[in-house]
Amino acid sequence: MEHLLTVARTARYQQLGELSAATRRVWFVAHGYGQLAAYFVRHFAHLVAADPHLVIIAPEGLSRFYLNGTGGRVGATWMTKENRLAEIDDYVAYLNQLAATILPRVAPDAAVTVLGFSQGAATISRWLARAPFRPARLILWAGAFPPDMDFSVATRLLQGLRVTLVCGTEDEFIKTDDLQNQQDFLRRLGVEPTLIRFVGTHTLDRETLLALAV
C-alpha cells in the first residue's frame, strides 16, 4: 500500500536586483523543462540593468536530473505525470513561501509580473490559482494555461488580469493552431489575451523582453 509523507526540503531560487522599499516592480519568472534557474535568469539581466527599481526572482523546480544519461549537465522539472497532484501541491507551497519571503520587502504598491516559459507557464498558472496575492500581469511564453484547471477557479483568477501570450515564429513545439486554440480557450474563460510574436524558436527573446518591461 502506497503512502505519502510531507517533508521539509531545501529549494533554490535566483535573484537579480536588490530588494528594498524602493523596489517598484517584481518579476517572478519560471523556467521550462530541463533548465536551471541560474542560467534561465541570465535572460533577464538586461532588464534589471535598465531599471534599478526592478527585481527578478527565478525559482527552480524541485526535481533535478541528468539531462543525458547518468552524468554531465543537470536540469530541473516542475513535475512529471508520476504522483502529479502531490508534486503540484509541493511546488505551489514552495512558491507561496517564496512570495511570502520576497513581497514584504518591497514597496506595498509594487507591481508584480509573473512569467512562465514553456513548462513554467502551466506551473505559474496553477500557482496563481492558489497564491495569496494577485499579480498585475501574467505572461505565458511558449507555454499554455493548463486546460485541466477547474473552470470556476480559472475564471476567478483571470478576471480583469492582463494576460500576454508570447511565442517565436519558428517555435518547434507550438504551432499557429496551438496559439489560436489557446487564445480561444482564454476567451472562454473571460479574458482577451495580447499575442506577441517574435522571429525565433522555442526560447526567450531579448528585444521582446525589453518591450514587455516598459
Foldseek 3Di string as FASTA:
>chain_A
DDDDDDDDDDWDKDKDADFAQLQQAEEEEEEAWFAARVVQCVLCNVVCVVPNNYMYMYTFAPAKADPDDHDDDMGHHQADPVVGVVSLVVVLVVVQVVCVVRVVRYHPNRAYEYEYAANGLCSVLSNLLPHPDAHQEYEYEPYAHDPPPDLVSSLVNPVVHAYEYEYECAEPPADPVNVVVRQVVVVVSPDRYHYYYDHDYRDDDNVVVVVVSD
